[in-house]
C-alpha atoms as a PDB file:
ATOM      1  CA  MET A   1      95.592  86.485 113.104  1.00  0.00           C
ATOM      2  CA  ARG A   2      92.591  85.698 110.881  1.00  0.00           C
ATOM      3  CA  ALA A   3      93.106  83.203 108.052  1.00  0.00           C
ATOM      4  CA  ALA A   4      91.263  80.851 105.674  1.00  0.00           C
ATOM      5  CA  VAL A   5      92.468  77.306 106.326  1.00  0.00           C
ATOM      6  CA  LEU A   6      91.931  74.155 104.265  1.00  0.00           C
ATOM      7  CA  GLU A   7      90.274  71.414 106.326  1.00  0.00           C
ATOM      8  CA  SER A   8      89.211  68.995 103.587  1.00  0.00           C
ATOM      9  CA  HIS A   9      89.409  69.143  99.804  1.00  0.00           C
ATOM     10  CA  GLY A  10      86.245  70.548  98.291  1.00  0.00           C
ATOM     11  CA  GLU A  11      84.814  71.604 101.657  1.00  0.00           C
ATOM     12  CA  PRO A  12      84.565  75.263 102.745  1.00  0.00           C
ATOM     13  CA  LEU A  13      87.767  76.791 104.050  1.00  0.00           C
ATOM     14  CA  LYS A  14      87.622  77.490 107.762  1.00  0.00           C
ATOM     15  CA  ILE A  15      87.864  81.183 108.623  1.00  0.00           C
ATOM     16  CA  THR A  16      89.636  81.106 111.957  1.00  0.00           C
ATOM     17  CA  ASP A  17      92.362  82.592 114.154  1.00  0.00           C
ATOM     18  CA  VAL A  18      95.851  81.109 113.795  1.00  0.00           C
ATOM     19  CA  ASP A  19      99.282  82.037 115.090  1.00  0.00           C
ATOM     20  CA  ALA A  20     100.981  84.882 113.248  1.00  0.00           C
ATOM     21  CA  PRO A  21     104.234  83.859 111.502  1.00  0.00           C
ATOM     22  CA  ASP A  22     107.668  84.443 113.005  1.00  0.00           C
ATOM     23  CA  VAL A  23     110.419  85.910 110.880  1.00  0.00           C
ATOM     24  CA  THR A  24     113.419  83.748 109.909  1.00  0.00           C
ATOM     25  CA  PRO A  25     116.961  85.108 109.435  1.00  0.00           C
ATOM     26  CA  ASP A  26     116.645  85.343 105.635  1.00  0.00           C
ATOM     27  CA  GLY A  27     112.914  86.013 105.503  1.00  0.00           C
ATOM     28  CA  ALA A  28     110.375  88.757 105.974  1.00  0.00           C
ATOM     29  CA  VAL A  29     106.829  89.001 107.302  1.00  0.00           C
ATOM     30  CA  VAL A  30     104.337  90.887 105.155  1.00  0.00           C
ATOM     31  CA  ALA A  31     101.065  92.363 106.403  1.00  0.00           C
ATOM     32  CA  VAL A  32      98.650  91.518 103.589  1.00  0.00           C
ATOM     33  CA  ASP A  33      96.663  94.457 102.202  1.00  0.00           C
ATOM     34  CA  ALA A  34      95.137  92.508  99.311  1.00  0.00           C
ATOM     35  CA  CYS A  35      95.207  89.030  97.811  1.00  0.00           C
ATOM     36  CA  GLY A  36      93.689  87.830  94.568  1.00  0.00           C
ATOM     37  CA  ILE A  37      91.538  84.699  94.489  1.00  0.00           C
ATOM     38  CA  CYS A  38      92.884  82.625  91.618  1.00  0.00           C
ATOM     39  CA  ARG A  39      91.746  79.498  89.802  1.00  0.00           C
ATOM     40  CA  SER A  40      94.954  77.899  91.059  1.00  0.00           C
ATOM     41  CA  ASP A  41      93.527  78.329  94.554  1.00  0.00           C
ATOM     42  CA  TRP A  42      90.467  76.467  93.277  1.00  0.00           C
ATOM     43  CA  HIS A  43      92.719  73.650  92.048  1.00  0.00           C
ATOM     44  CA  GLY A  44      94.369  73.433  95.472  1.00  0.00           C
ATOM     45  CA  TRP A  45      91.010  73.555  97.220  1.00  0.00           C
ATOM     46  CA  GLN A  46      89.789  70.698  95.005  1.00  0.00           C
ATOM     47  CA  GLY A  47      92.855  68.580  95.781  1.00  0.00           C
ATOM     48  CA  ASP A  48      94.382  68.711  92.303  1.00  0.00           C
ATOM     49  CA  TRP A  49      98.048  68.482  91.433  1.00  0.00           C
ATOM     50  CA  ASP A  50      99.129  65.541  93.554  1.00  0.00           C
ATOM     51  CA  TRP A  51     100.802  64.402  90.303  1.00  0.00           C
ATOM     52  CA  LEU A  52     102.985  67.518  90.623  1.00  0.00           C
ATOM     53  CA  GLY A  53     103.718  66.976  94.301  1.00  0.00           C
ATOM     54  CA  ILE A  54     102.053  70.236  95.335  1.00  0.00           C
ATOM     55  CA  GLN A  55      98.634  69.114  96.520  1.00  0.00           C
ATOM     56  CA  PRO A  56      97.753  71.253  99.582  1.00  0.00           C
ATOM     57  CA  GLN A  57      97.090  69.246 102.722  1.00  0.00           C
ATOM     58  CA  PRO A  58      94.657  69.938 105.579  1.00  0.00           C
ATOM     59  CA  GLY A  59      95.914  72.806 107.697  1.00  0.00           C
ATOM     60  CA  GLN A  60      97.266  74.737 104.711  1.00  0.00           C
ATOM     61  CA  ILE A  61      96.489  78.440 104.362  1.00  0.00           C
ATOM     62  CA  LEU A  62      95.790  79.017 100.671  1.00  0.00           C
ATOM     63  CA  GLY A  63      96.303  82.253  98.713  1.00  0.00           C
ATOM     64  CA  HIS A  64      99.194  83.216  96.457  1.00  0.00           C
ATOM     65  CA  GLU A  65      98.547  86.664  94.922  1.00  0.00           C
ATOM     66  CA  PRO A  66      99.363  89.069  97.759  1.00  0.00           C
ATOM     67  CA  ALA A  67     100.531  92.634  98.035  1.00  0.00           C
ATOM     68  CA  GLY A  68     101.192  94.419 101.300  1.00  0.00           C
ATOM     69  CA  ARG A  69     103.680  96.044 103.665  1.00  0.00           C
ATOM     70  CA  VAL A  70     106.757  94.481 105.229  1.00  0.00           C
ATOM     71  CA  ILE A  71     106.448  94.482 109.024  1.00  0.00           C
ATOM     72  CA  ALA A  72     109.490  92.410 110.018  1.00  0.00           C
ATOM     73  CA  VAL A  73     112.775  91.416 108.367  1.00  0.00           C
ATOM     74  CA  GLY A  74     115.330  88.792 109.328  1.00  0.00           C
ATOM     75  CA  GLU A  75     118.827  89.640 110.472  1.00  0.00           C
ATOM     76  CA  ASN A  76     120.389  88.476 107.187  1.00  0.00           C
ATOM     77  CA  VAL A  77     118.085  90.457 104.903  1.00  0.00           C
ATOM     78  CA  GLU A  78     119.903  93.322 103.171  1.00  0.00           C
ATOM     79  CA  ASN A  79     117.651  94.820 100.495  1.00  0.00           C
ATOM     80  CA  ILE A  80     114.198  94.793 102.115  1.00  0.00           C
ATOM     81  CA  ASP A  81     113.159  97.145 104.912  1.00  0.00           C
ATOM     82  CA  GLU A  82     110.213  97.373 107.236  1.00  0.00           C
ATOM     83  CA  GLY A  83     107.536  99.508 105.617  1.00  0.00           C
ATOM     84  CA  ASP A  84     108.355  98.515 102.044  1.00  0.00           C
ATOM     85  CA  HIS A  85     105.316  98.101  99.791  1.00  0.00           C
ATOM     86  CA  VAL A  86     105.747  94.766  98.043  1.00  0.00           C
ATOM     87  CA  ALA A  87     104.230  92.116  95.815  1.00  0.00           C
ATOM     88  CA  VAL A  88     104.988  88.446  96.449  1.00  0.00           C
ATOM     89  CA  PRO A  89     105.419  86.150  93.417  1.00  0.00           C
ATOM     90  CA  PHE A  90     103.798  82.756  93.932  1.00  0.00           C
ATOM     91  CA  ASN A  91     106.805  80.805  92.605  1.00  0.00           C
ATOM     92  CA  LEU A  92     109.220  81.433  95.460  1.00  0.00           C
ATOM     93  CA  GLY A  93     112.829  80.534  94.700  1.00  0.00           C
ATOM     94  CA  ASP A  94     115.743  79.871  97.005  1.00  0.00           C
ATOM     95  CA  GLY A  95     118.013  82.290  95.121  1.00  0.00           C
ATOM     96  CA  THR A  96     120.941  79.887  95.104  1.00  0.00           C
ATOM     97  CA  CYS A  97     120.208  77.048  92.660  1.00  0.00           C
ATOM     98  CA  PRO A  98     121.615  77.091  89.097  1.00  0.00           C
ATOM     99  CA  GLN A  99     118.292  78.248  87.636  1.00  0.00           C
ATOM    100  CA  CYS A 100     118.034  81.140  90.100  1.00  0.00           C
ATOM    101  CA  ARG A 101     121.640  82.171  89.454  1.00  0.00           C
ATOM    102  CA  ARG A 102     120.936  82.250  85.709  1.00  0.00           C
ATOM    103  CA  GLY A 103     117.939  84.545  86.185  1.00  0.00           C
ATOM    104  CA  HIS A 104     115.278  81.829  85.858  1.00  0.00           C
ATOM    105  CA  SER A 105     114.089  81.680  89.455  1.00  0.00           C
ATOM    106  CA  ASN A 106     110.526  80.973  88.294  1.00  0.00           C
ATOM    107  CA  THR A 107     111.830  77.474  87.567  1.00  0.00           C
ATOM    108  CA  CYS A 108     113.927  77.216  90.742  1.00  0.00           C
ATOM    109  CA  GLU A 109     115.106  73.659  91.363  1.00  0.00           C
ATOM    110  CA  ASN A 110     113.826  74.015  94.925  1.00  0.00           C
ATOM    111  CA  VAL A 111     110.719  76.054  94.137  1.00  0.00           C
ATOM    112  CA  MET A 112     108.293  76.708  96.983  1.00  0.00           C
ATOM    113  CA  PRO A 113     104.802  77.426  95.578  1.00  0.00           C
ATOM    114  CA  LEU A 114     103.244  79.946  97.934  1.00  0.00           C
ATOM    115  CA  GLY A 115     100.097  78.682  99.628  1.00  0.00           C
ATOM    116  CA  PHE A 116     100.358  75.125  98.311  1.00  0.00           C
ATOM    117  CA  VAL A 117     102.931  73.445 100.569  1.00  0.00           C
ATOM    118  CA  GLU A 118     103.352  73.516 104.338  1.00  0.00           C
ATOM    119  CA  PRO A 119     106.676  75.452 104.493  1.00  0.00           C
ATOM    120  CA  VAL A 120     105.101  78.476 102.786  1.00  0.00           C
ATOM    121  CA  GLN A 121     101.668  79.218 104.214  1.00  0.00           C
ATOM    122  CA  GLY A 122      99.557  81.377 101.937  1.00  0.00           C
ATOM    123  CA  ALA A 123      98.097  84.845 101.864  1.00  0.00           C
ATOM    124  CA  PHE A 124      94.432  84.257 102.680  1.00  0.00           C
ATOM    125  CA  ALA A 125      95.536  85.673 106.010  1.00  0.00           C
ATOM    126  CA  GLU A 126      96.413  88.920 107.709  1.00  0.00           C
ATOM    127  CA  GLU A 127     100.144  88.143 107.536  1.00  0.00           C
ATOM    128  CA  LEU A 128     102.477  85.774 105.704  1.00  0.00           C
ATOM    129  CA  HIS A 129     106.130  84.849 105.888  1.00  0.00           C
ATOM    130  CA  VAL A 130     108.306  85.020 102.758  1.00  0.00           C
ATOM    131  CA  PRO A 131     111.584  83.047 102.722  1.00  0.00           C
ATOM    132  CA  ALA A 132     114.670  84.363 100.902  1.00  0.00           C
ATOM    133  CA  ALA A 133     113.141  87.831 101.078  1.00  0.00           C
ATOM    134  CA  ASP A 134     115.959  89.605  99.241  1.00  0.00           C
ATOM    135  CA  HIS A 135     115.438  87.273  96.316  1.00  0.00           C
ATOM    136  CA  ASN A 136     111.647  86.911  96.285  1.00  0.00           C
ATOM    137  CA  LEU A 137     110.042  90.174  97.302  1.00  0.00           C
ATOM    138  CA  VAL A 138     109.297  92.777  94.625  1.00  0.00           C
ATOM    139  CA  GLU A 139     109.113  96.401  95.754  1.00  0.00           C
ATOM    140  CA  LEU A 140     106.174  98.173  94.153  1.00  0.00           C
ATOM    141  CA  PRO A 141     106.363 101.629  92.543  1.00  0.00           C
ATOM    142  CA  ASP A 142     105.185 104.663  94.481  1.00  0.00           C
ATOM    143  CA  GLY A 143     101.523 105.514  94.249  1.00  0.00           C
ATOM    144  CA  VAL A 144     100.063 102.137  93.263  1.00  0.00           C
ATOM    145  CA  SER A 145      97.443 100.324  95.329  1.00  0.00           C
ATOM    146  CA  SER A 146      97.779  96.825  96.715  1.00  0.00           C
ATOM    147  CA  VAL A 147      94.404  95.863  95.216  1.00  0.00           C
ATOM    148  CA  ASP A 148      95.502  96.927  91.736  1.00  0.00           C
ATOM    149  CA  MET A 149      98.805  95.073  92.084  1.00  0.00           C
ATOM    150  CA  ALA A 150      97.493  91.840  93.651  1.00  0.00           C
ATOM    151  CA  GLY A 151      97.370  90.084  90.271  1.00  0.00           C
ATOM    152  CA  LEU A 152     101.126  90.598  89.918  1.00  0.00           C
ATOM    153  CA  GLY A 153     101.615  87.674  92.295  1.00  0.00           C
ATOM    154  CA  CYS A 154     100.333  85.221  89.692  1.00  0.00           C
ATOM    155  CA  ARG A 155      97.923  85.847  86.867  1.00  0.00           C
ATOM    156  CA  PHE A 156      99.092  89.134  85.400  1.00  0.00           C
ATOM    157  CA  MET A 157     102.806  88.459  85.636  1.00  0.00           C
ATOM    158  CA  THR A 158     102.321  84.879  84.419  1.00  0.00           C
ATOM    159  CA  SER A 159     100.623  86.137  81.266  1.00  0.00           C
ATOM    160  CA  PHE A 160     103.266  88.821  80.794  1.00  0.00           C
ATOM    161  CA  HIS A 161     106.120  86.337  81.009  1.00  0.00           C
ATOM    162  CA  ALA A 162     104.344  83.986  78.610  1.00  0.00           C
ATOM    163  CA  LEU A 163     103.867  86.618  75.925  1.00  0.00           C
ATOM    164  CA  ALA A 164     106.786  88.995  76.450  1.00  0.00           C
ATOM    165  CA  HIS A 165     109.490  86.420  77.195  1.00  0.00           C
ATOM    166  CA  ARG A 166     108.453  82.947  76.047  1.00  0.00           C
ATOM    167  CA  ALA A 167     106.495  83.580  72.817  1.00  0.00           C
ATOM    168  CA  ASP A 168     107.696  85.635  69.860  1.00  0.00           C
ATOM    169  CA  VAL A 169     104.896  88.190  69.748  1.00  0.00           C
ATOM    170  CA  GLU A 170     105.405  90.799  67.036  1.00  0.00           C
ATOM    171  CA  ALA A 171     103.326  93.778  65.981  1.00  0.00           C
ATOM    172  CA  GLY A 172     100.334  92.687  63.926  1.00  0.00           C
ATOM    173  CA  ASP A 173     100.538  89.000  64.885  1.00  0.00           C
ATOM    174  CA  TRP A 174      97.278  87.138  65.356  1.00  0.00           C
ATOM    175  CA  LEU A 175      97.185  85.993  68.977  1.00  0.00           C
ATOM    176  CA  VAL A 176      94.374  83.706  70.175  1.00  0.00           C
ATOM    177  CA  VAL A 177      93.596  83.369  73.887  1.00  0.00           C
ATOM    178  CA  HIS A 178      91.562  80.279  74.838  1.00  0.00           C
ATOM    179  CA  GLY A 179      89.833  80.798  78.192  1.00  0.00           C
ATOM    180  CA  CYS A 180      89.055  84.287  79.508  1.00  0.00           C
ATOM    181  CA  GLY A 181      89.463  83.862  83.230  1.00  0.00           C
ATOM    182  CA  GLY A 182      91.956  86.013  85.126  1.00  0.00           C
ATOM    183  CA  VAL A 183      94.991  84.661  83.243  1.00  0.00           C
ATOM    184  CA  GLY A 184      93.247  84.831  79.890  1.00  0.00           C
ATOM    185  CA  LEU A 185      91.946  88.373  80.313  1.00  0.00           C
ATOM    186  CA  SER A 186      95.402  89.442  81.457  1.00  0.00           C
ATOM    187  CA  ALA A 187      96.839  87.837  78.319  1.00  0.00           C
ATOM    188  CA  VAL A 188      94.318  89.697  76.144  1.00  0.00           C
ATOM    189  CA  HIS A 189      95.315  93.028  77.689  1.00  0.00           C
ATOM    190  CA  ILE A 190      99.052  92.315  77.528  1.00  0.00           C
ATOM    191  CA  GLY A 191      98.888  90.945  73.978  1.00  0.00           C
ATOM    192  CA  ASP A 192      97.119  94.109  72.851  1.00  0.00           C
ATOM    193  CA  ALA A 193      99.774  96.247  74.578  1.00  0.00           C
ATOM    194  CA  LEU A 194     102.513  94.309  72.775  1.00  0.00           C
ATOM    195  CA  GLY A 195     100.917  95.079  69.416  1.00  0.00           C
ATOM    196  CA  ALA A 196      99.176  91.795  68.615  1.00  0.00           C
ATOM    197  CA  ASN A 197      95.718  91.421  67.112  1.00  0.00           C
ATOM    198  CA  VAL A 198      93.985  89.459  69.863  1.00  0.00           C
ATOM    199  CA  VAL A 199      91.154  86.948  69.431  1.00  0.00           C
ATOM    200  CA  ALA A 200      89.431  85.941  72.679  1.00  0.00           C
ATOM    201  CA  VAL A 201      87.733  82.535  72.983  1.00  0.00           C
ATOM    202  CA  ASP A 202      85.388  81.601  75.801  1.00  0.00           C
ATOM    203  CA  LEU A 203      81.988  80.046  76.518  1.00  0.00           C
ATOM    204  CA  THR A 204      80.318  83.122  78.013  1.00  0.00           C
ATOM    205  CA  ASP A 205      79.412  86.426  76.401  1.00  0.00           C
ATOM    206  CA  GLU A 206      80.115  88.374  79.604  1.00  0.00           C
ATOM    207  CA  LYS A 207      83.765  87.329  79.599  1.00  0.00           C
ATOM    208  CA  LEU A 208      84.055  87.985  75.882  1.00  0.00           C
ATOM    209  CA  ARG A 209      82.665  91.511  76.359  1.00  0.00           C
ATOM    210  CA  LYS A 210      85.287  92.081  79.047  1.00  0.00           C
ATOM    211  CA  ALA A 211      87.949  90.802  76.646  1.00  0.00           C
ATOM    212  CA  GLU A 212      86.809  93.372  74.080  1.00  0.00           C
ATOM    213  CA  GLU A 213      87.146  96.098  76.721  1.00  0.00           C
ATOM    214  CA  LEU A 214      90.714  94.926  77.313  1.00  0.00           C
ATOM    215  CA  GLY A 215      91.702  94.997  73.651  1.00  0.00           C
ATOM    216  CA  ALA A 216      90.419  91.914  71.840  1.00  0.00           C
ATOM    217  CA  VAL A 217      89.665  92.761  68.203  1.00  0.00           C
ATOM    218  CA  GLU A 218      87.659  89.573  67.627  1.00  0.00           C
ATOM    219  CA  THR A 219      85.828  87.092  69.868  1.00  0.00           C
ATOM    220  CA  VAL A 220      84.630  83.521  69.418  1.00  0.00           C
ATOM    221  CA  ASN A 221      81.979  82.018  71.669  1.00  0.00           C
ATOM    222  CA  ALA A 222      83.079  78.382  71.807  1.00  0.00           C
ATOM    223  CA  ALA A 223      79.609  77.288  72.909  1.00  0.00           C
ATOM    224  CA  GLU A 224      78.301  78.134  69.445  1.00  0.00           C
ATOM    225  CA  TYR A 225      80.695  75.946  67.427  1.00  0.00           C
ATOM    226  CA  ASP A 226      81.482  72.262  67.133  1.00  0.00           C
ATOM    227  CA  ASP A 227      84.802  73.152  65.478  1.00  0.00           C
ATOM    228  CA  VAL A 228      86.310  75.951  67.576  1.00  0.00           C
ATOM    229  CA  PRO A 229      89.712  76.019  65.816  1.00  0.00           C
ATOM    230  CA  GLY A 230      87.899  76.195  62.479  1.00  0.00           C
ATOM    231  CA  ALA A 231      85.801  79.106  63.760  1.00  0.00           C
ATOM    232  CA  VAL A 232      88.950  80.909  64.900  1.00  0.00           C
ATOM    233  CA  GLN A 233      90.674  80.422  61.556  1.00  0.00           C
ATOM    234  CA  GLN A 234      87.581  81.549  59.677  1.00  0.00           C
ATOM    235  CA  THR A 235      87.387  84.658  61.851  1.00  0.00           C
ATOM    236  CA  ILE A 236      90.975  85.734  61.146  1.00  0.00           C
ATOM    237  CA  GLY A 237      91.282  84.347  57.625  1.00  0.00           C
ATOM    238  CA  GLY A 238      93.848  81.647  58.372  1.00  0.00           C
ATOM    239  CA  GLY A 239      95.915  80.147  61.146  1.00  0.00           C
ATOM    240  CA  ALA A 240      97.064  82.181  64.140  1.00  0.00           C
ATOM    241  CA  ASP A 241     100.681  83.104  64.828  1.00  0.00           C
ATOM    242  CA  ILE A 242     100.472  82.482  68.593  1.00  0.00           C
ATOM    243  CA  SER A 243      97.779  80.727  70.599  1.00  0.00           C
ATOM    244  CA  VAL A 244      97.491  80.455  74.376  1.00  0.00           C
ATOM    245  CA  ASP A 245      95.719  77.871  76.524  1.00  0.00           C
ATOM    246  CA  ALA A 246      94.930  79.922  79.590  1.00  0.00           C
ATOM    247  CA  LEU A 247      92.651  77.300  81.151  1.00  0.00           C
ATOM    248  CA  GLY A 248      94.383  73.921  81.147  1.00  0.00           C
ATOM    249  CA  ILE A 249      91.807  71.356  80.082  1.00  0.00           C
ATOM    250  CA  ALA A 250      92.359  68.908  77.226  1.00  0.00           C
ATOM    251  CA  GLU A 251      89.835  70.623  74.953  1.00  0.00           C
ATOM    252  CA  THR A 252      91.305  74.119  75.209  1.00  0.00           C
ATOM    253  CA  CYS A 253      94.844  72.789  74.825  1.00  0.00           C
ATOM    254  CA  ARG A 254      94.019  70.957  71.605  1.00  0.00           C
ATOM    255  CA  ASN A 255      91.888  73.829  70.314  1.00  0.00           C
ATOM    256  CA  SER A 256      94.797  76.168  70.879  1.00  0.00           C
ATOM    257  CA  VAL A 257      97.236  73.990  68.914  1.00  0.00           C
ATOM    258  CA  LEU A 258      94.738  73.464  66.088  1.00  0.00           C
ATOM    259  CA  SER A 259      94.072  77.224  65.845  1.00  0.00           C
ATOM    260  CA  LEU A 260      97.631  77.816  64.658  1.00  0.00           C
ATOM    261  CA  GLY A 261      99.005  78.250  61.185  1.00  0.00           C
ATOM    262  CA  THR A 262     102.331  76.958  59.882  1.00  0.00           C
ATOM    263  CA  ARG A 263     105.237  77.674  62.240  1.00  0.00           C
ATOM    264  CA  GLY A 264     102.829  78.934  64.876  1.00  0.00           C
ATOM    265  CA  GLN A 265     103.519  78.902  68.611  1.00  0.00           C
ATOM    266  CA  HIS A 266     101.273  77.331  71.229  1.00  0.00           C
ATOM    267  CA  VAL A 267     101.850  78.637  74.777  1.00  0.00           C
ATOM    268  CA  GLN A 268     100.615  76.500  77.663  1.00  0.00           C
ATOM    269  CA  ILE A 269      99.850  78.499  80.796  1.00  0.00           C
ATOM    270  CA  GLY A 270      96.927  76.611  82.328  1.00  0.00           C
ATOM    271  CA  LEU A 271      97.634  73.558  84.467  1.00  0.00           C
ATOM    272  CA  THR A 272      95.336  70.570  84.204  1.00  0.00           C
ATOM    273  CA  THR A 273      92.611  69.122  86.416  1.00  0.00           C
ATOM    274  CA  GLN A 274      91.931  65.662  87.815  1.00  0.00           C
ATOM    275  CA  ASP A 275      90.414  64.723  84.448  1.00  0.00           C
ATOM    276  CA  GLU A 276      93.789  64.999  82.696  1.00  0.00           C
ATOM    277  CA  GLU A 277      96.260  64.581  85.586  1.00  0.00           C
ATOM    278  CA  GLY A 278      98.869  66.430  83.581  1.00  0.00           C
ATOM    279  CA  VAL A 279      98.555  64.424  80.346  1.00  0.00           C
ATOM    280  CA  VAL A 280      96.821  65.702  77.186  1.00  0.00           C
ATOM    281  CA  GLY A 281      96.748  64.022  73.762  1.00  0.00           C
ATOM    282  CA  LEU A 282      97.988  66.308  70.964  1.00  0.00           C
ATOM    283  CA  PRO A 283      97.904  66.308  67.129  1.00  0.00           C
ATOM    284  CA  THR A 284     101.619  65.597  66.893  1.00  0.00           C
ATOM    285  CA  ASP A 285     101.680  64.780  63.171  1.00  0.00           C
ATOM    286  CA  ALA A 286     100.144  68.148  62.342  1.00  0.00           C
ATOM    287  CA  MET A 287     102.611  69.815  64.700  1.00  0.00           C
ATOM    288  CA  VAL A 288     105.502  68.154  62.883  1.00  0.00           C
ATOM    289  CA  MET A 289     104.224  68.927  59.399  1.00  0.00           C
ATOM    290  CA  GLN A 290     103.592  72.578  60.277  1.00  0.00           C
ATOM    291  CA  GLU A 291     106.636  72.976  62.573  1.00  0.00           C
ATOM    292  CA  ILE A 292     104.388  74.146  65.391  1.00  0.00           C
ATOM    293  CA  GLU A 293     106.118  74.958  68.686  1.00  0.00           C
ATOM    294  CA  PHE A 294     104.705  73.885  72.060  1.00  0.00           C
ATOM    295  CA  ILE A 295     105.953  76.262  74.772  1.00  0.00           C
ATOM    296  CA  GLY A 296     105.422  75.913  78.516  1.00  0.00           C
ATOM    297  CA  SER A 297     105.405  79.026  80.669  1.00  0.00           C
ATOM    298  CA  LEU A 298     105.442  79.310  84.472  1.00  0.00           C
ATOM    299  CA  GLY A 299     105.226  82.490  86.529  1.00  0.00           C
ATOM    300  CA  MET A 300     107.923  85.112  86.007  1.00  0.00           C
ATOM    301  CA  PRO A 301     111.348  85.873  87.535  1.00  0.00           C
ATOM    302  CA  PRO A 302     111.086  88.710  90.076  1.00  0.00           C
ATOM    303  CA  THR A 303     114.065  90.421  88.434  1.00  0.00           C
ATOM    304  CA  ARG A 304     111.911  91.258  85.393  1.00  0.00           C
ATOM    305  CA  TYR A 305     108.980  92.955  87.117  1.00  0.00           C
ATOM    306  CA  ASP A 306     110.438  96.339  86.222  1.00  0.00           C
ATOM    307  CA  GLU A 307     109.364  95.700  82.610  1.00  0.00           C
ATOM    308  CA  ILE A 308     105.730  95.625  83.740  1.00  0.00           C
ATOM    309  CA  PHE A 309     106.204  98.680  85.936  1.00  0.00           C
ATOM    310  CA  ARG A 310     107.664 100.710  83.044  1.00  0.00           C
ATOM    311  CA  MET A 311     104.664  99.827  80.870  1.00  0.00           C
ATOM    312  CA  VAL A 312     102.284 100.716  83.716  1.00  0.00           C
ATOM    313  CA  ALA A 313     104.039 104.068  84.164  1.00  0.00           C
ATOM    314  CA  THR A 314     103.479 104.911  80.486  1.00  0.00           C
ATOM    315  CA  ASP A 315      99.830 103.750  80.531  1.00  0.00           C
ATOM    316  CA  LYS A 316     100.456 100.839  78.183  1.00  0.00           C
ATOM    317  CA  LEU A 317      99.400  98.335  80.857  1.00  0.00           C
ATOM    318  CA  ASN A 318      96.787  98.653  83.582  1.00  0.00           C
ATOM    319  CA  PRO A 319      96.646  95.609  85.909  1.00  0.00           C
ATOM    320  CA  SER A 320      93.708  97.147  87.746  1.00  0.00           C
ATOM    321  CA  ALA A 321      91.582  96.772  84.611  1.00  0.00           C
ATOM    322  CA  VAL A 322      91.479  93.003  85.174  1.00  0.00           C
ATOM    323  CA  VAL A 323      90.347  93.323  88.831  1.00  0.00           C
ATOM    324  CA  SER A 324      86.616  92.666  88.906  1.00  0.00           C
ATOM    325  CA  LYS A 325      85.678  93.270  92.544  1.00  0.00           C
ATOM    326  CA  THR A 326      86.912  93.362  96.129  1.00  0.00           C
ATOM    327  CA  VAL A 327      85.631  91.060  98.866  1.00  0.00           C
ATOM    328  CA  ASP A 328      86.133  90.191 102.521  1.00  0.00           C
ATOM    329  CA  LEU A 329      88.162  87.154 103.603  1.00  0.00           C
ATOM    330  CA  GLY A 330      84.874  85.621 104.738  1.00  0.00           C
ATOM    331  CA  ASP A 331      83.658  85.656 101.126  1.00  0.00           C
ATOM    332  CA  VAL A 332      86.477  83.456  99.828  1.00  0.00           C
ATOM    333  CA  ASN A 333      84.380  80.275  99.848  1.00  0.00           C
ATOM    334  CA  ASP A 334      81.686  81.865  97.709  1.00  0.00           C
ATOM    335  CA  GLU A 335      84.291  82.926  95.151  1.00  0.00           C
ATOM    336  CA  LEU A 336      85.918  79.487  95.054  1.00  0.00           C
ATOM    337  CA  GLU A 337      82.541  77.820  94.659  1.00  0.00           C
ATOM    338  CA  ALA A 338      81.689  80.154  91.774  1.00  0.00           C
ATOM    339  CA  MET A 339      84.862  79.051  89.997  1.00  0.00           C
ATOM    340  CA  THR A 340      83.560  75.480  89.863  1.00  0.00           C
ATOM    341  CA  ASP A 341      81.142  76.610  87.166  1.00  0.00           C
ATOM    342  CA  PHE A 342      83.491  79.312  85.783  1.00  0.00           C
ATOM    343  CA  GLY A 343      81.227  81.913  87.335  1.00  0.00           C
ATOM    344  CA  THR A 344      83.805  84.600  88.104  1.00  0.00           C
ATOM    345  CA  VAL A 345      84.869  87.374  85.727  1.00  0.00           C
ATOM    346  CA  GLY A 346      88.328  88.895  85.989  1.00  0.00           C
ATOM    347  CA  ILE A 347      90.200  88.849  89.284  1.00  0.00           C
ATOM    348  CA  PRO A 348      88.290  89.012  92.597  1.00  0.00           C
ATOM    349  CA  VAL A 349      90.555  90.450  95.303  1.00  0.00           C
ATOM    350  CA  ILE A 350      90.324  90.163  99.090  1.00  0.00           C
ATOM    351  CA  ASP A 351      90.990  93.581 100.612  1.00  0.00           C
ATOM    352  CA  SER A 352      89.493  93.087 104.072  1.00  0.00           C
ATOM    353  CA  PHE A 353      90.824  90.518 106.512  1.00  0.00           C
END
């Protein structure tokens, strides 16, 4: 089968033929119809996250936002059938650890991040194998397209979990989203659907215009201000109720915290780069004095996808609105390279392998 394989960090992925995966007793093989190209793929391509123990090594197939059709199931699989139309969450759980049993499989104690470690080769390929298929695979509703649903593997569902489950978003709250890449634009759209007044912050007008299309009521171009948190607070007339760092660099993290008012909530979605290596200095005294909460958020449990599907069915959410374009597998290197300078808008999706 055709796949995009990491040969060396920062060098173009090799588009080549590799062996198709075999099914395991508890797994399933999915023929990939579509796969989003995510900034997390860029991190893996760059060789980030060795401090997390998930730095992809040469030979790894990247890609972690797939949707497609099941073409083989293992003998122990009970709830998934050949032909099922499915999405594959990136944070694969084993289904048996205490976190999984409590419904928090996104923080599985034996998590297998799809496309980042050798046991789970990624979805920049015609086919991929999914372990613990009964636990991990999410059957998609009738009538939706794989391209529209590709973001459910990571960016869209990650933003949904962050705002619907981790933060206390209430109608009329001021919600600030720092960084309008795929995660950030998804957060803008979801925050608007949940009833928040959303402020989008980014360095480029094109992304801010897209944020307005997705529901942002105010925008702040961070390139125009030395004091971004001050600009945010001036725009909304005070501190925000919830603020999200959707990028993961030290500046956006601190700006997010400093955008908040008393008893505000900061939600950290973005993971850091080699500049931070997972450590960011924070205004802790201000956080204490204002009782500001710092909340981490990772992925989403597969058991809660039905919440998104119900909102899609009633036209409150539209994941396809964040998809910016479709490309061929051979274009993946161009898209990754564009991310180095934050040159992509929305979610580019591979739909031809």
